[in-house]
């Protein structure tokens, strides 16, 4: 598995998490 693809997936999840935790 390419590392860049893994990083992109992490970025997606983190962005989604940050959206959910915004006040």
N, C-alpha and C. Protein backbone atom coordinates (compact mmCIF):
# COMPACT_ATOMS: atom_id res chain seq x y z
N UNK A 1 0.85 -1.20 0.00
CA UNK A 1 0.00 0.00 0.00
C UNK A 1 0.88 1.25 0.00
N UNK A 2 0.66 2.13 -0.98
CA UNK A 2 1.45 3.36 -1.05
C UNK A 2 1.23 4.22 0.18
N UNK A 3 2.29 4.78 0.70
CA UNK A 3 2.19 5.59 1.92
C UNK A 3 1.35 6.85 1.68
N UNK A 4 1.49 7.44 0.48
CA UNK A 4 0.76 8.67 0.20
C UNK A 4 -0.76 8.43 0.28
N UNK A 5 -1.18 7.25 -0.18
CA UNK A 5 -2.60 6.93 -0.15
C UNK A 5 -3.08 6.79 1.31
N UNK A 6 -2.22 6.19 2.13
CA UNK A 6 -2.54 6.02 3.55
C UNK A 6 -2.65 7.40 4.22
N UNK A 7 -1.71 8.28 3.89
CA UNK A 7 -1.72 9.62 4.47
C UNK A 7 -2.98 10.37 4.07
N UNK A 8 -3.39 10.21 2.81
CA UNK A 8 -4.60 10.88 2.34
C UNK A 8 -5.81 10.39 3.12
N UNK A 9 -5.84 9.09 3.40
CA UNK A 9 -6.96 8.52 4.16
C UNK A 9 -6.98 9.09 5.57
N UNK A 10 -5.81 9.18 6.19
CA UNK A 10 -5.71 9.75 7.54
C UNK A 10 -6.20 11.20 7.52
N UNK A 11 -5.78 11.95 6.49
CA UNK A 11 -6.18 13.34 6.35
C UNK A 11 -7.70 13.46 6.27
N UNK A 12 -8.30 12.57 5.50
CA UNK A 12 -9.75 12.58 5.35
C UNK A 12 -10.44 12.35 6.69
N UNK A 13 -9.98 11.35 7.40
CA UNK A 13 -10.59 11.02 8.69
C UNK A 13 -10.39 12.15 9.69
N UNK A 14 -9.19 12.74 9.69
CA UNK A 14 -8.91 13.83 10.61
C UNK A 14 -9.79 15.04 10.31
N UNK A 15 -9.94 15.34 9.02
CA UNK A 15 -10.78 16.47 8.62
C UNK A 15 -12.22 16.25 9.06
N UNK A 16 -12.70 15.02 8.88
CA UNK A 16 -14.06 14.69 9.28
C UNK A 16 -14.21 14.81 10.79
N UNK A 17 -13.21 14.33 11.52
CA UNK A 17 -13.24 14.38 12.97
C UNK A 17 -13.26 15.83 13.45
N UNK A 18 -12.44 16.67 12.84
CA UNK A 18 -12.39 18.08 13.24
C UNK A 18 -13.71 18.78 12.96
N UNK A 19 -14.34 18.43 11.85
CA UNK A 19 -15.65 19.00 11.53
C UNK A 19 -16.68 18.64 12.60
N UNK A 20 -16.64 17.38 13.04
CA UNK A 20 -17.61 16.89 14.03
C UNK A 20 -17.37 17.51 15.41
N UNK A 21 -16.12 17.84 15.73
CA UNK A 21 -15.82 18.36 17.05
C UNK A 21 -15.88 19.88 17.11
N UNK A 22 -16.13 20.52 15.98
CA UNK A 22 -16.26 21.99 15.98
C UNK A 22 -17.51 22.39 16.76
N UNK A 23 -17.42 23.47 17.50
CA UNK A 23 -18.58 23.93 18.26
C UNK A 23 -19.70 24.46 17.38
